[in-house]
Structure formats: structure tokens, C-alpha cells
Amino acid sequence: MKISWWEWLPFWRWRVIGQAGSADEVPDQLPRNAVALVGDVDRTKWIVFDCPCRTGHRIMLNADLARQPHWTLNQGQRLTISPSIDYRGSERRCHYFIRSGRIEWAKDSDR
């Protein structure tokens, strides 16, 4: 997956920057507030992005409706991912929503 130079410019809202055929094709580092999709154009398997807490961990959400749990992505006017994302690492917990292109942190997050 190739990322254009303008995708690295600062954006405030979350957005989809591209589609990759496999998770191995997603770059090690993504632009801030950027989401990459993995799978075919008509069938997304994974939603991939770097956690908004900026500690460097990668989030991969299952988007395959045949598997549980799965997340849905709405790219209408502004990017929305549902349900919430709840990452529990060894040192921290990141629990948040991505709604209308913005992060809404849950109260139980370590943020």
C-alpha cells in the first residue's frame, strides 16, 4: 500500500487513507488520524490504525461480518467505527469511540 505525501499533512478528523490486500502490506507507521482497510474492495476484513493515545501500539479490528466480535465502519460524511474500541495492554487501557471523525474517550480509559 502506497501512502501519498499529502496524507502526512496534519488532519484533525479521522479518515480512510487506502486499501491493502493483506495486513503485511500496511506500513509500519501510518499518518496521524488515518485508517487503512485490509481486504477486497467489496469485502473489508480488517480496520487498521495506530492508537490515538500515541504510545505506539497498532489496533487491528475485525470487520468480517462472519466472525465475532466485529466492528463496522461508516465512511458517510465523517468516519465512524462502532462499537467502541477497548484496548487493554500490560501498562494501560485505551477505551474510546471514533464518531464523526473524532475521538471520544470513555471514562474508564487510562487517559
PDB file of N, CA and C in Angstrom:
ATOM      1  N   MET A   1       0.845  -1.173   0.000  1.00  0.00           N
ATOM      2  CA  MET A   1       0.000   0.000   0.000  1.00  0.00           C
ATOM      3  C   MET A   1       0.891   1.237   0.000  1.00  0.00           C
ATOM      4  N   LYS A   2       0.670   2.136  -0.936  1.00  0.00           N
ATOM      5  CA  LYS A   2       1.458   3.358  -1.036  1.00  0.00           C
ATOM      6  C   LYS A   2       0.661   4.517  -0.445  1.00  0.00           C
ATOM      7  N   ILE A   3       1.330   5.317   0.381  1.00  0.00           N
ATOM      8  CA  ILE A   3       0.696   6.480   1.005  1.00  0.00           C
ATOM      9  C   ILE A   3       1.223   7.732   0.321  1.00  0.00           C
ATOM     10  N   SER A   4       0.329   8.572  -0.178  1.00  0.00           N
ATOM     11  CA  SER A   4       0.714   9.813  -0.853  1.00  0.00           C
ATOM     12  C   SER A   4       1.309  10.799   0.149  1.00  0.00           C
ATOM     13  N   TRP A   5       2.141  11.697  -0.325  1.00  0.00           N
ATOM     14  CA  TRP A   5       2.797  12.669   0.545  1.00  0.00           C
ATOM     15  C   TRP A   5       1.797  13.545   1.281  1.00  0.00           C
ATOM     16  N   TRP A   6       0.686  13.878   0.647  1.00  0.00           N
ATOM     17  CA  TRP A   6      -0.279  14.779   1.274  1.00  0.00           C
ATOM     18  C   TRP A   6      -1.034  14.113   2.415  1.00  0.00           C
ATOM     19  N   GLU A   7      -1.015  12.777   2.485  1.00  0.00           N
ATOM     20  CA  GLU A   7      -1.665  12.094   3.604  1.00  0.00           C
ATOM     21  C   GLU A   7      -0.925  12.331   4.921  1.00  0.00           C
ATOM     22  N   TRP A   8       0.345  12.757   4.831  1.00  0.00           N
ATOM     23  CA  TRP A   8       1.129  13.018   6.035  1.00  0.00           C
ATOM     24  C   TRP A   8       0.893  14.425   6.581  1.00  0.00           C
ATOM     25  N   LEU A   9       0.171  15.260   5.857  1.00  0.00           N
ATOM     26  CA  LEU A   9      -0.153  16.591   6.366  1.00  0.00           C
ATOM     27  C   LEU A   9      -1.089  16.454   7.561  1.00  0.00           C
ATOM     28  N   PRO A  10      -1.045  17.404   8.503  1.00  0.00           N
ATOM     29  CA  PRO A  10      -1.869  17.258   9.706  1.00  0.00           C
ATOM     30  C   PRO A  10      -3.369  17.365   9.404  1.00  0.00           C
ATOM     31  N   PHE A  11      -4.106  16.374   9.855  1.00  0.00           N
ATOM     32  CA  PHE A  11      -5.561  16.357   9.747  1.00  0.00           C
ATOM     33  C   PHE A  11      -6.130  16.212  11.154  1.00  0.00           C
ATOM     34  N   TRP A  12      -7.215  16.884  11.416  1.00  0.00           N
ATOM     35  CA  TRP A  12      -7.841  16.781  12.733  1.00  0.00           C
ATOM     36  C   TRP A  12      -8.809  15.615  12.800  1.00  0.00           C
ATOM     37  N   ARG A  13      -9.493  15.351  11.716  1.00  0.00           N
ATOM     38  CA  ARG A  13     -10.503  14.293  11.725  1.00  0.00           C
ATOM     39  C   ARG A  13      -9.929  12.991  11.190  1.00  0.00           C
ATOM     40  N   TRP A  14     -10.484  11.887  11.661  1.00  0.00           N
ATOM     41  CA  TRP A  14     -10.070  10.563  11.210  1.00  0.00           C
ATOM     42  C   TRP A  14     -10.596  10.311   9.815  1.00  0.00           C
ATOM     43  N   ARG A  15      -9.795   9.584   9.011  1.00  0.00           N
ATOM     44  CA  ARG A  15     -10.188   9.304   7.631  1.00  0.00           C
ATOM     45  C   ARG A  15      -9.521   8.020   7.147  1.00  0.00           C
ATOM     46  N   VAL A  16     -10.099   7.428   6.103  1.00  0.00           N
ATOM     47  CA  VAL A  16      -9.528   6.239   5.469  1.00  0.00           C
ATOM     48  C   VAL A  16      -8.530   6.707   4.421  1.00  0.00           C
ATOM     49  N   ILE A  17      -7.300   6.153   4.464  1.00  0.00           N
ATOM     50  CA  ILE A  17      -6.275   6.599   3.514  1.00  0.00           C
ATOM     51  C   ILE A  17      -5.983   5.590   2.420  1.00  0.00           C
ATOM     52  N   GLY A  18      -6.485   4.359   2.554  1.00  0.00           N
ATOM     53  CA  GLY A  18      -6.210   3.393   1.498  1.00  0.00           C
ATOM     54  C   GLY A  18      -6.652   1.989   1.834  1.00  0.00           C
ATOM     55  N   GLN A  19      -6.475   1.113   0.857  1.00  0.00           N
ATOM     56  CA  GLN A  19      -6.883  -0.289   0.960  1.00  0.00           C
ATOM     57  C   GLN A  19      -5.671  -1.157   0.641  1.00  0.00           C
ATOM     58  N   ALA A  20      -5.457  -2.196   1.439  1.00  0.00           N
ATOM     59  CA  ALA A  20      -4.363  -3.145   1.206  1.00  0.00           C
ATOM     60  C   ALA A  20      -4.947  -4.539   1.041  1.00  0.00           C
ATOM     61  N   GLY A  21      -4.269  -5.363   0.265  1.00  0.00           N
ATOM     62  CA  GLY A  21      -4.736  -6.726   0.042  1.00  0.00           C
ATOM     63  C   GLY A  21      -4.516  -7.636   1.236  1.00  0.00           C
ATOM     64  N   SER A  22      -3.449  -7.358   2.013  1.00  0.00           N
ATOM     65  CA  SER A  22      -3.171  -8.152   3.209  1.00  0.00           C
ATOM     66  C   SER A  22      -2.601  -7.239   4.290  1.00  0.00           C
ATOM     67  N   ALA A  23      -2.617  -7.707   5.529  1.00  0.00           N
ATOM     68  CA  ALA A  23      -2.121  -6.906   6.650  1.00  0.00           C
ATOM     69  C   ALA A  23      -0.625  -6.629   6.516  1.00  0.00           C
ATOM     70  N   ASP A  24       0.105  -7.496   5.830  1.00  0.00           N
ATOM     71  CA  ASP A  24       1.541  -7.287   5.630  1.00  0.00           C
ATOM     72  C   ASP A  24       1.840  -6.077   4.745  1.00  0.00           C
ATOM     73  N   GLU A  25       0.875  -5.652   3.946  1.00  0.00           N
ATOM     74  CA  GLU A  25       1.066  -4.514   3.045  1.00  0.00           C
ATOM     75  C   GLU A  25       0.835  -3.167   3.721  1.00  0.00           C
ATOM     76  N   VAL A  26       0.293  -3.169   4.933  1.00  0.00           N
ATOM     77  CA  VAL A  26       0.060  -1.917   5.661  1.00  0.00           C
ATOM     78  C   VAL A  26       1.401  -1.445   6.221  1.00  0.00           C
ATOM     79  N   PRO A  27       1.784  -0.177   6.006  1.00  0.00           N
ATOM     80  CA  PRO A  27       3.068   0.322   6.500  1.00  0.00           C
ATOM     81  C   PRO A  27       3.175   0.225   8.024  1.00  0.00           C
ATOM     82  N   ASP A  28       4.408   0.158   8.513  1.00  0.00           N
ATOM     83  CA  ASP A  28       4.637   0.084   9.958  1.00  0.00           C
ATOM     84  C   ASP A  28       4.151   1.329  10.677  1.00  0.00           C
ATOM     85  N   GLN A  29       4.192   2.453  10.006  1.00  0.00           N
ATOM     86  CA  GLN A  29       3.721   3.700  10.593  1.00  0.00           C
ATOM     87  C   GLN A  29       2.697   4.326   9.661  1.00  0.00           C
ATOM     88  N   LEU A  30       1.565   4.727  10.231  1.00  0.00           N
ATOM     89  CA  LEU A  30       0.511   5.388   9.461  1.00  0.00           C
ATOM     90  C   LEU A  30       0.458   6.857   9.842  1.00  0.00           C
ATOM     91  N   PRO A  31      -0.042   7.715   8.962  1.00  0.00           N
ATOM     92  CA  PRO A  31      -0.216   9.117   9.323  1.00  0.00           C
ATOM     93  C   PRO A  31      -1.178   9.257  10.506  1.00  0.00           C
ATOM     94  N   ARG A  32      -1.075  10.361  11.200  1.00  0.00           N
ATOM     95  CA  ARG A  32      -1.948  10.626  12.347  1.00  0.00           C
ATOM     96  C   ARG A  32      -3.410  10.654  11.901  1.00  0.00           C
ATOM     97  N   ASN A  33      -4.275  10.059  12.706  1.00  0.00           N
ATOM     98  CA  ASN A  33      -5.726  10.017  12.460  1.00  0.00           C
ATOM     99  C   ASN A  33      -6.079   9.335  11.144  1.00  0.00           C
ATOM    100  N   ALA A  34      -5.308   8.331  10.767  1.00  0.00           N
ATOM    101  CA  ALA A  34      -5.525   7.635   9.499  1.00  0.00           C
ATOM    102  C   ALA A  34      -5.866   6.168   9.731  1.00  0.00           C
ATOM    103  N   VAL A  35      -6.778   5.658   8.916  1.00  0.00           N
ATOM    104  CA  VAL A  35      -7.219   4.268   8.974  1.00  0.00           C
ATOM    105  C   VAL A  35      -6.906   3.616   7.634  1.00  0.00           C
ATOM    106  N   ALA A  36      -6.366   2.399   7.676  1.00  0.00           N
ATOM    107  CA  ALA A  36      -6.146   1.602   6.468  1.00  0.00           C
ATOM    108  C   ALA A  36      -7.087   0.407   6.517  1.00  0.00           C
ATOM    109  N   LEU A  37      -7.633   0.048   5.373  1.00  0.00           N
ATOM    110  CA  LEU A  37      -8.524  -1.100   5.284  1.00  0.00           C
ATOM    111  C   LEU A  37      -7.773  -2.257   4.650  1.00  0.00           C
ATOM    112  N   VAL A  38      -8.030  -3.469   5.144  1.00  0.00           N
ATOM    113  CA  VAL A  38      -7.386  -4.668   4.610  1.00  0.00           C
ATOM    114  C   VAL A  38      -8.471  -5.583   4.066  1.00  0.00           C
ATOM    115  N   GLY A  39      -8.275  -6.060   2.843  1.00  0.00           N
ATOM    116  CA  GLY A  39      -9.229  -6.953   2.202  1.00  0.00           C
ATOM    117  C   GLY A  39      -9.549  -6.476   0.802  1.00  0.00           C
ATOM    118  N   ASP A  40     -10.582  -7.060   0.230  1.00  0.00           N
ATOM    119  CA  ASP A  40     -11.026  -6.669  -1.103  1.00  0.00           C
ATOM    120  C   ASP A  40     -11.857  -5.392  -1.024  1.00  0.00           C
ATOM    121  N   VAL A  41     -12.041  -4.755  -2.159  1.00  0.00           N
ATOM    122  CA  VAL A  41     -12.828  -3.520  -2.206  1.00  0.00           C
ATOM    123  C   VAL A  41     -14.261  -3.766  -1.744  1.00  0.00           C
ATOM    124  N   ASP A  42     -14.831  -4.903  -2.124  1.00  0.00           N
ATOM    125  CA  ASP A  42     -16.218  -5.198  -1.762  1.00  0.00           C
ATOM    126  C   ASP A  42     -16.352  -5.928  -0.426  1.00  0.00           C
ATOM    127  N   ARG A  43     -15.227  -6.337   0.174  1.00  0.00           N
ATOM    128  CA  ARG A  43     -15.292  -7.056   1.450  1.00  0.00           C
ATOM    129  C   ARG A  43     -14.070  -6.721   2.299  1.00  0.00           C
ATOM    130  N   THR A  44     -14.249  -5.844   3.269  1.00  0.00           N
ATOM    131  CA  THR A  44     -13.172  -5.453   4.169  1.00  0.00           C
ATOM    132  C   THR A  44     -13.032  -6.496   5.272  1.00  0.00           C
ATOM    133  N   LYS A  45     -11.796  -6.926   5.528  1.00  0.00           N
ATOM    134  CA  LYS A  45     -11.548  -7.918   6.577  1.00  0.00           C
ATOM    135  C   LYS A  45     -11.044  -7.287   7.869  1.00  0.00           C
ATOM    136  N   TRP A  46     -10.206  -6.260   7.743  1.00  0.00           N
ATOM    137  CA  TRP A  46      -9.605  -5.627   8.913  1.00  0.00           C
ATOM    138  C   TRP A  46      -9.633  -4.108   8.783  1.00  0.00           C
ATOM    139  N   ILE A  47      -9.754  -3.445   9.914  1.00  0.00           N
ATOM    140  CA  ILE A  47      -9.617  -1.995  10.031  1.00  0.00           C
ATOM    141  C   ILE A  47      -8.350  -1.783  10.863  1.00  0.00           C
ATOM    142  N   VAL A  48      -7.357  -1.095  10.294  1.00  0.00           N
ATOM    143  CA  VAL A  48      -6.046  -0.975  10.941  1.00  0.00           C
ATOM    144  C   VAL A  48      -5.702   0.497  11.154  1.00  0.00           C
ATOM    145  N   PHE A  49      -5.223   0.824  12.361  1.00  0.00           N
ATOM    146  CA  PHE A  49      -4.767   2.190  12.651  1.00  0.00           C
ATOM    147  C   PHE A  49      -3.878   2.171  13.885  1.00  0.00           C
ATOM    148  N   ASP A  50      -3.139   3.254  14.076  1.00  0.00           N
ATOM    149  CA  ASP A  50      -2.319   3.414  15.269  1.00  0.00           C
ATOM    150  C   ASP A  50      -3.180   4.051  16.351  1.00  0.00           C
ATOM    151  N   CYS A  51      -3.060   3.545  17.579  1.00  0.00           N
ATOM    152  CA  CYS A  51      -3.915   4.003  18.674  1.00  0.00           C
ATOM    153  C   CYS A  51      -3.763   5.517  18.885  1.00  0.00           C
ATOM    154  N   PRO A  52      -4.866   6.220  19.141  1.00  0.00           N
ATOM    155  CA  PRO A  52      -4.797   7.671  19.333  1.00  0.00           C
ATOM    156  C   PRO A  52      -4.106   8.097  20.627  1.00  0.00           C
ATOM    157  N   CYS A  53      -3.773   7.162  21.519  1.00  0.00           N
ATOM    158  CA  CYS A  53      -3.065   7.533  22.751  1.00  0.00           C
ATOM    159  C   CYS A  53      -1.606   7.889  22.466  1.00  0.00           C
ATOM    160  N   ARG A  54      -1.123   7.563  21.266  1.00  0.00           N
ATOM    161  CA  ARG A  54       0.224   7.903  20.790  1.00  0.00           C
ATOM    162  C   ARG A  54       1.345   7.188  21.538  1.00  0.00           C
ATOM    163  N   THR A  55       1.066   6.003  22.096  1.00  0.00           N
ATOM    164  CA  THR A  55       2.137   5.233  22.729  1.00  0.00           C
ATOM    165  C   THR A  55       2.745   4.234  21.765  1.00  0.00           C
ATOM    166  N   GLY A  56       2.224   4.162  20.547  1.00  0.00           N
ATOM    167  CA  GLY A  56       2.846   3.365  19.508  1.00  0.00           C
ATOM    168  C   GLY A  56       2.262   1.994  19.247  1.00  0.00           C
ATOM    169  N   HIS A  57       1.156   1.635  19.886  1.00  0.00           N
ATOM    170  CA  HIS A  57       0.611   0.315  19.577  1.00  0.00           C
ATOM    171  C   HIS A  57      -0.405   0.392  18.443  1.00  0.00           C
ATOM    172  N   ARG A  58      -0.452  -0.688  17.689  1.00  0.00           N
ATOM    173  CA  ARG A  58      -1.292  -0.807  16.497  1.00  0.00           C
ATOM    174  C   ARG A  58      -2.608  -1.471  16.877  1.00  0.00           C
ATOM    175  N   ILE A  59      -3.704  -0.962  16.329  1.00  0.00           N
ATOM    176  CA  ILE A  59      -5.030  -1.536  16.542  1.00  0.00           C
ATOM    177  C   ILE A  59      -5.468  -2.193  15.239  1.00  0.00           C
ATOM    178  N   MET A  60      -5.898  -3.453  15.327  1.00  0.00           N
ATOM    179  CA  MET A  60      -6.454  -4.176  14.180  1.00  0.00           C
ATOM    180  C   MET A  60      -7.826  -4.695  14.593  1.00  0.00           C
ATOM    181  N   LEU A  61      -8.859  -4.164  13.967  1.00  0.00           N
ATOM    182  CA  LEU A  61     -10.233  -4.549  14.287  1.00  0.00           C
ATOM    183  C   LEU A  61     -10.782  -5.458  13.200  1.00  0.00           C
ATOM    184  N   ASN A  62     -11.437  -6.516  13.594  1.00  0.00           N
ATOM    185  CA  ASN A  62     -12.065  -7.436  12.656  1.00  0.00           C
ATOM    186  C   ASN A  62     -13.289  -6.765  12.036  1.00  0.00           C
ATOM    187  N   ALA A  63     -13.358  -6.719  10.723  1.00  0.00           N
ATOM    188  CA  ALA A  63     -14.512  -6.146  10.022  1.00  0.00           C
ATOM    189  C   ALA A  63     -15.293  -7.211   9.263  1.00  0.00           C
ATOM    190  N   ASP A  64     -14.909  -8.469   9.417  1.00  0.00           N
ATOM    191  CA  ASP A  64     -15.570  -9.584   8.737  1.00  0.00           C
ATOM    192  C   ASP A  64     -16.857  -9.929   9.481  1.00  0.00           C
ATOM    193  N   LEU A  65     -17.991  -9.741   8.831  1.00  0.00           N
ATOM    194  CA  LEU A  65     -19.287  -9.965   9.473  1.00  0.00           C
ATOM    195  C   LEU A  65     -19.513 -11.422   9.866  1.00  0.00           C
ATOM    196  N   ALA A  66     -18.772 -12.345   9.263  1.00  0.00           N
ATOM    197  CA  ALA A  66     -18.933 -13.767   9.575  1.00  0.00           C
ATOM    198  C   ALA A  66     -18.222 -14.160  10.872  1.00  0.00           C
ATOM    199  N   ARG A  67     -17.402 -13.283  11.418  1.00  0.00           N
ATOM    200  CA  ARG A  67     -16.649 -13.589  12.643  1.00  0.00           C
ATOM    201  C   ARG A  67     -17.044 -12.636  13.762  1.00  0.00           C
ATOM    202  N   GLN A  68     -16.895 -13.117  14.984  1.00  0.00           N
ATOM    203  CA  GLN A  68     -17.233 -12.324  16.162  1.00  0.00           C
ATOM    204  C   GLN A  68     -15.990 -12.129  17.019  1.00  0.00           C
ATOM    205  N   PRO A  69     -15.827 -11.021  17.707  1.00  0.00           N
ATOM    206  CA  PRO A  69     -16.583  -9.784  17.520  1.00  0.00           C
ATOM    207  C   PRO A  69     -16.144  -9.086  16.234  1.00  0.00           C
ATOM    208  N   HIS A  70     -16.997  -8.222  15.726  1.00  0.00           N
ATOM    209  CA  HIS A  70     -16.640  -7.455  14.533  1.00  0.00           C
ATOM    210  C   HIS A  70     -17.089  -6.007  14.697  1.00  0.00           C
ATOM    211  N   TRP A  71     -16.404  -5.131  13.988  1.00  0.00           N
ATOM    212  CA  TRP A  71     -16.680  -3.705  14.024  1.00  0.00           C
ATOM    213  C   TRP A  71     -17.176  -3.271  12.655  1.00  0.00           C
ATOM    214  N   THR A  72     -17.969  -2.227  12.641  1.00  0.00           N
ATOM    215  CA  THR A  72     -18.451  -1.687  11.372  1.00  0.00           C
ATOM    216  C   THR A  72     -17.860  -0.296  11.160  1.00  0.00           C
ATOM    217  N   LEU A  73     -17.648   0.013   9.912  1.00  0.00           N
ATOM    218  CA  LEU A  73     -17.048   1.280   9.521  1.00  0.00           C
ATOM    219  C   LEU A  73     -18.039   2.021   8.649  1.00  0.00           C
ATOM    220  N   ASN A  74     -18.329   3.253   9.016  1.00  0.00           N
ATOM    221  CA  ASN A  74     -19.215   4.095   8.229  1.00  0.00           C
ATOM    222  C   ASN A  74     -18.386   5.259   7.707  1.00  0.00           C
ATOM    223  N   GLN A  75     -18.259   5.356   6.393  1.00  0.00           N
ATOM    224  CA  GLN A  75     -17.463   6.419   5.783  1.00  0.00           C
ATOM    225  C   GLN A  75     -18.336   7.513   5.197  1.00  0.00           C
ATOM    226  N   GLY A  76     -19.595   7.596   5.616  1.00  0.00           N
ATOM    227  CA  GLY A  76     -20.509   8.590   5.061  1.00  0.00           C
ATOM    228  C   GLY A  76     -19.882   9.960   4.959  1.00  0.00           C
ATOM    229  N   GLN A  77     -20.299  10.876   5.770  1.00  0.00           N
ATOM    230  CA  GLN A  77     -19.705  12.214   5.775  1.00  0.00           C
ATOM    231  C   GLN A  77     -18.409  12.227   6.574  1.00  0.00           C
ATOM    232  N   ARG A  78     -18.442  11.598   7.738  1.00  0.00           N
ATOM    233  CA  ARG A  78     -17.278  11.545   8.608  1.00  0.00           C
ATOM    234  C   ARG A  78     -17.118  10.126   9.134  1.00  0.00           C
ATOM    235  N   LEU A  79     -15.886   9.694   9.306  1.00  0.00           N
ATOM    236  CA  LEU A  79     -15.581   8.320   9.698  1.00  0.00           C
ATOM    237  C   LEU A  79     -16.152   7.982  11.076  1.00  0.00           C
ATOM    238  N   THR A  80     -16.866   6.860  11.156  1.00  0.00           N
ATOM    239  CA  THR A  80     -17.394   6.339  12.416  1.00  0.00           C
ATOM    240  C   THR A  80     -17.123   4.844  12.462  1.00  0.00           C
ATOM    241  N   ILE A  81     -16.593   4.380  13.586  1.00  0.00           N
ATOM    242  CA  ILE A  81     -16.363   2.955  13.811  1.00  0.00           C
ATOM    243  C   ILE A  81     -17.172   2.553  15.032  1.00  0.00           C
ATOM    244  N   SER A  82     -17.938   1.477  14.913  1.00  0.00           N
ATOM    245  CA  SER A  82     -18.721   1.018  16.059  1.00  0.00           C
ATOM    246  C   SER A  82     -18.627  -0.492  16.180  1.00  0.00           C
ATOM    247  N   PRO A  83     -18.711  -1.046  17.377  1.00  0.00           N
ATOM    248  CA  PRO A  83     -18.843  -0.379  18.678  1.00  0.00           C
ATOM    249  C   PRO A  83     -17.525   0.267  19.118  1.00  0.00           C
ATOM    250  N   SER A  84     -17.393   0.554  20.404  1.00  0.00           N
ATOM    251  CA  SER A  84     -16.195   1.212  20.916  1.00  0.00           C
ATOM    252  C   SER A  84     -14.966   0.316  20.771  1.00  0.00           C
ATOM    253  N   ILE A  85     -13.807   0.937  20.834  1.00  0.00           N
ATOM    254  CA  ILE A  85     -12.534   0.223  20.786  1.00  0.00           C
ATOM    255  C   ILE A  85     -12.004   0.182  22.214  1.00  0.00           C
ATOM    256  N   ASP A  86     -11.697  -1.006  22.706  1.00  0.00           N
ATOM    257  CA  ASP A  86     -11.240  -1.185  24.087  1.00  0.00           C
ATOM    258  C   ASP A  86      -9.949  -1.993  24.070  1.00  0.00           C
ATOM    259  N   TYR A  87      -8.813  -1.300  24.151  1.00  0.00           N
ATOM    260  CA  TYR A  87      -7.501  -1.947  24.139  1.00  0.00           C
ATOM    261  C   TYR A  87      -6.998  -2.039  25.573  1.00  0.00           C
ATOM    262  N   ARG A  88      -6.645  -3.240  25.994  1.00  0.00           N
ATOM    263  CA  ARG A  88      -6.096  -3.439  27.333  1.00  0.00           C
ATOM    264  C   ARG A  88      -4.690  -4.010  27.199  1.00  0.00           C
ATOM    265  N   GLY A  89      -3.716  -3.153  27.371  1.00  0.00           N
ATOM    266  CA  GLY A  89      -2.324  -3.579  27.294  1.00  0.00           C
ATOM    267  C   GLY A  89      -1.781  -3.876  28.680  1.00  0.00           C
ATOM    268  N   SER A  90      -0.513  -4.217  28.745  1.00  0.00           N
ATOM    269  CA  SER A  90       0.092  -4.553  30.035  1.00  0.00           C
ATOM    270  C   SER A  90       0.227  -3.335  30.944  1.00  0.00           C
ATOM    271  N   GLU A  91       0.357  -2.159  30.365  1.00  0.00           N
ATOM    272  CA  GLU A  91       0.568  -0.962  31.170  1.00  0.00           C
ATOM    273  C   GLU A  91      -0.582   0.032  31.142  1.00  0.00           C
ATOM    274  N   ARG A  92      -1.490  -0.097  30.181  1.00  0.00           N
ATOM    275  CA  ARG A  92      -2.548   0.904  30.088  1.00  0.00           C
ATOM    276  C   ARG A  92      -3.791   0.336  29.439  1.00  0.00           C
ATOM    277  N   ARG A  93      -4.887   1.066  29.607  1.00  0.00           N
ATOM    278  CA  ARG A  93      -6.149   0.722  28.965  1.00  0.00           C
ATOM    279  C   ARG A  93      -6.596   1.925  28.152  1.00  0.00           C
ATOM    280  N   CYS A  94      -6.886   1.685  26.887  1.00  0.00           N
ATOM    281  CA  CYS A  94      -7.382   2.724  25.992  1.00  0.00           C
ATOM    282  C   CYS A  94      -8.785   2.314  25.554  1.00  0.00           C
ATOM    283  N   HIS A  95      -9.766   3.062  25.967  1.00  0.00           N
ATOM    284  CA  HIS A  95     -11.158   2.766  25.628  1.00  0.00           C
ATOM    285  C   HIS A  95     -11.763   4.043  25.047  1.00  0.00           C
ATOM    286  N   TYR A  96     -12.222   3.964  23.799  1.00  0.00           N
ATOM    287  CA  TYR A  96     -12.692   5.164  23.123  1.00  0.00           C
ATOM    288  C   TYR A  96     -13.648   4.808  21.989  1.00  0.00           C
ATOM    289  N   PHE A  97     -14.315   5.825  21.487  1.00  0.00           N
ATOM    290  CA  PHE A  97     -15.204   5.737  20.334  1.00  0.00           C
ATOM    291  C   PHE A  97     -14.613   6.611  19.234  1.00  0.00           C
ATOM    292  N   ILE A  98     -14.790   6.215  17.978  1.00  0.00           N
ATOM    293  CA  ILE A  98     -14.489   7.096  16.847  1.00  0.00           C
ATOM    294  C   ILE A  98     -15.833   7.404  16.210  1.00  0.00           C
ATOM    295  N   ARG A  99     -16.289   8.640  16.413  1.00  0.00           N
ATOM    296  CA  ARG A  99     -17.593   9.076  15.911  1.00  0.00           C
ATOM    297  C   ARG A  99     -17.429  10.385  15.154  1.00  0.00           C
ATOM    298  N   SER A 100     -17.977  10.423  13.976  1.00  0.00           N
ATOM    299  CA  SER A 100     -17.931  11.633  13.143  1.00  0.00           C
ATOM    300  C   SER A 100     -16.511  12.165  12.992  1.00  0.00           C
ATOM    301  N   GLY A 101     -15.554  11.253  12.860  1.00  0.00           N
ATOM    302  CA  GLY A 101     -14.174  11.652  12.630  1.00  0.00           C
ATOM    303  C   GLY A 101     -13.424  12.136  13.851  1.00  0.00           C
ATOM    304  N   ARG A 102     -14.004  11.998  15.038  1.00  0.00           N
ATOM    305  CA  ARG A 102     -13.362  12.464  16.272  1.00  0.00           C
ATOM    306  C   ARG A 102     -13.275  11.338  17.298  1.00  0.00           C
ATOM    307  N   ILE A 103     -12.317  11.467  18.204  1.00  0.00           N
ATOM    308  CA  ILE A 103     -12.156  10.503  19.292  1.00  0.00           C
ATOM    309  C   ILE A 103     -12.963  10.977  20.489  1.00  0.00           C
ATOM    310  N   GLU A 104     -13.728  10.060  21.061  1.00  0.00           N
ATOM    311  CA  GLU A 104     -14.438  10.318  22.319  1.00  0.00           C
ATOM    312  C   GLU A 104     -13.936   9.283  23.313  1.00  0.00           C
ATOM    313  N   TRP A 105     -13.141   9.721  24.289  1.00  0.00           N
ATOM    314  CA  TRP A 105     -12.563   8.805  25.269  1.00  0.00           C
ATOM    315  C   TRP A 105     -13.616   8.396  26.287  1.00  0.00           C
ATOM    316  N   ALA A 106     -13.641   7.107  26.622  1.00  0.00           N
ATOM    317  CA  ALA A 106     -14.545   6.597  27.652  1.00  0.00           C
ATOM    318  C   ALA A 106     -13.973   6.948  29.027  1.00  0.00           C
ATOM    319  N   LYS A 107     -14.845   7.031  30.016  1.00  0.00           N
ATOM    320  CA  LYS A 107     -14.406   7.423  31.359  1.00  0.00           C
ATOM    321  C   LYS A 107     -13.504   6.388  32.011  1.00  0.00           C
ATOM    322  N   ASP A 108     -13.618   5.119  31.611  1.00  0.00           N
ATOM    323  CA  ASP A 108     -12.795   4.076  32.229  1.00  0.00           C
ATOM    324  C   ASP A 108     -11.434   3.910  31.557  1.00  0.00           C
ATOM    325  N   SER A 109     -11.092   4.791  30.639  1.00  0.00           N
ATOM    326  CA  SER A 109      -9.796   4.737  29.960  1.00  0.00           C
ATOM    327  C   SER A 109      -8.714   5.312  30.868  1.00  0.00           C
ATOM    328  N   ASP A 110      -7.469   4.887  30.668  1.00  0.00           N
ATOM    329  CA  ASP A 110      -6.345   5.409  31.459  1.00  0.00           C
ATOM    330  C   ASP A 110      -5.863   6.760  30.953  1.00  0.00           C
ATOM    331  N   ARG A 111      -6.605   7.395  30.155  1.00  0.00           N
ATOM    332  CA  ARG A 111      -6.203   8.658  29.554  1.00  0.00           C
ATOM    333  C   ARG A 111      -6.463   9.789  30.493  1.00  0.00           C
TER     334      ARG A 111
END
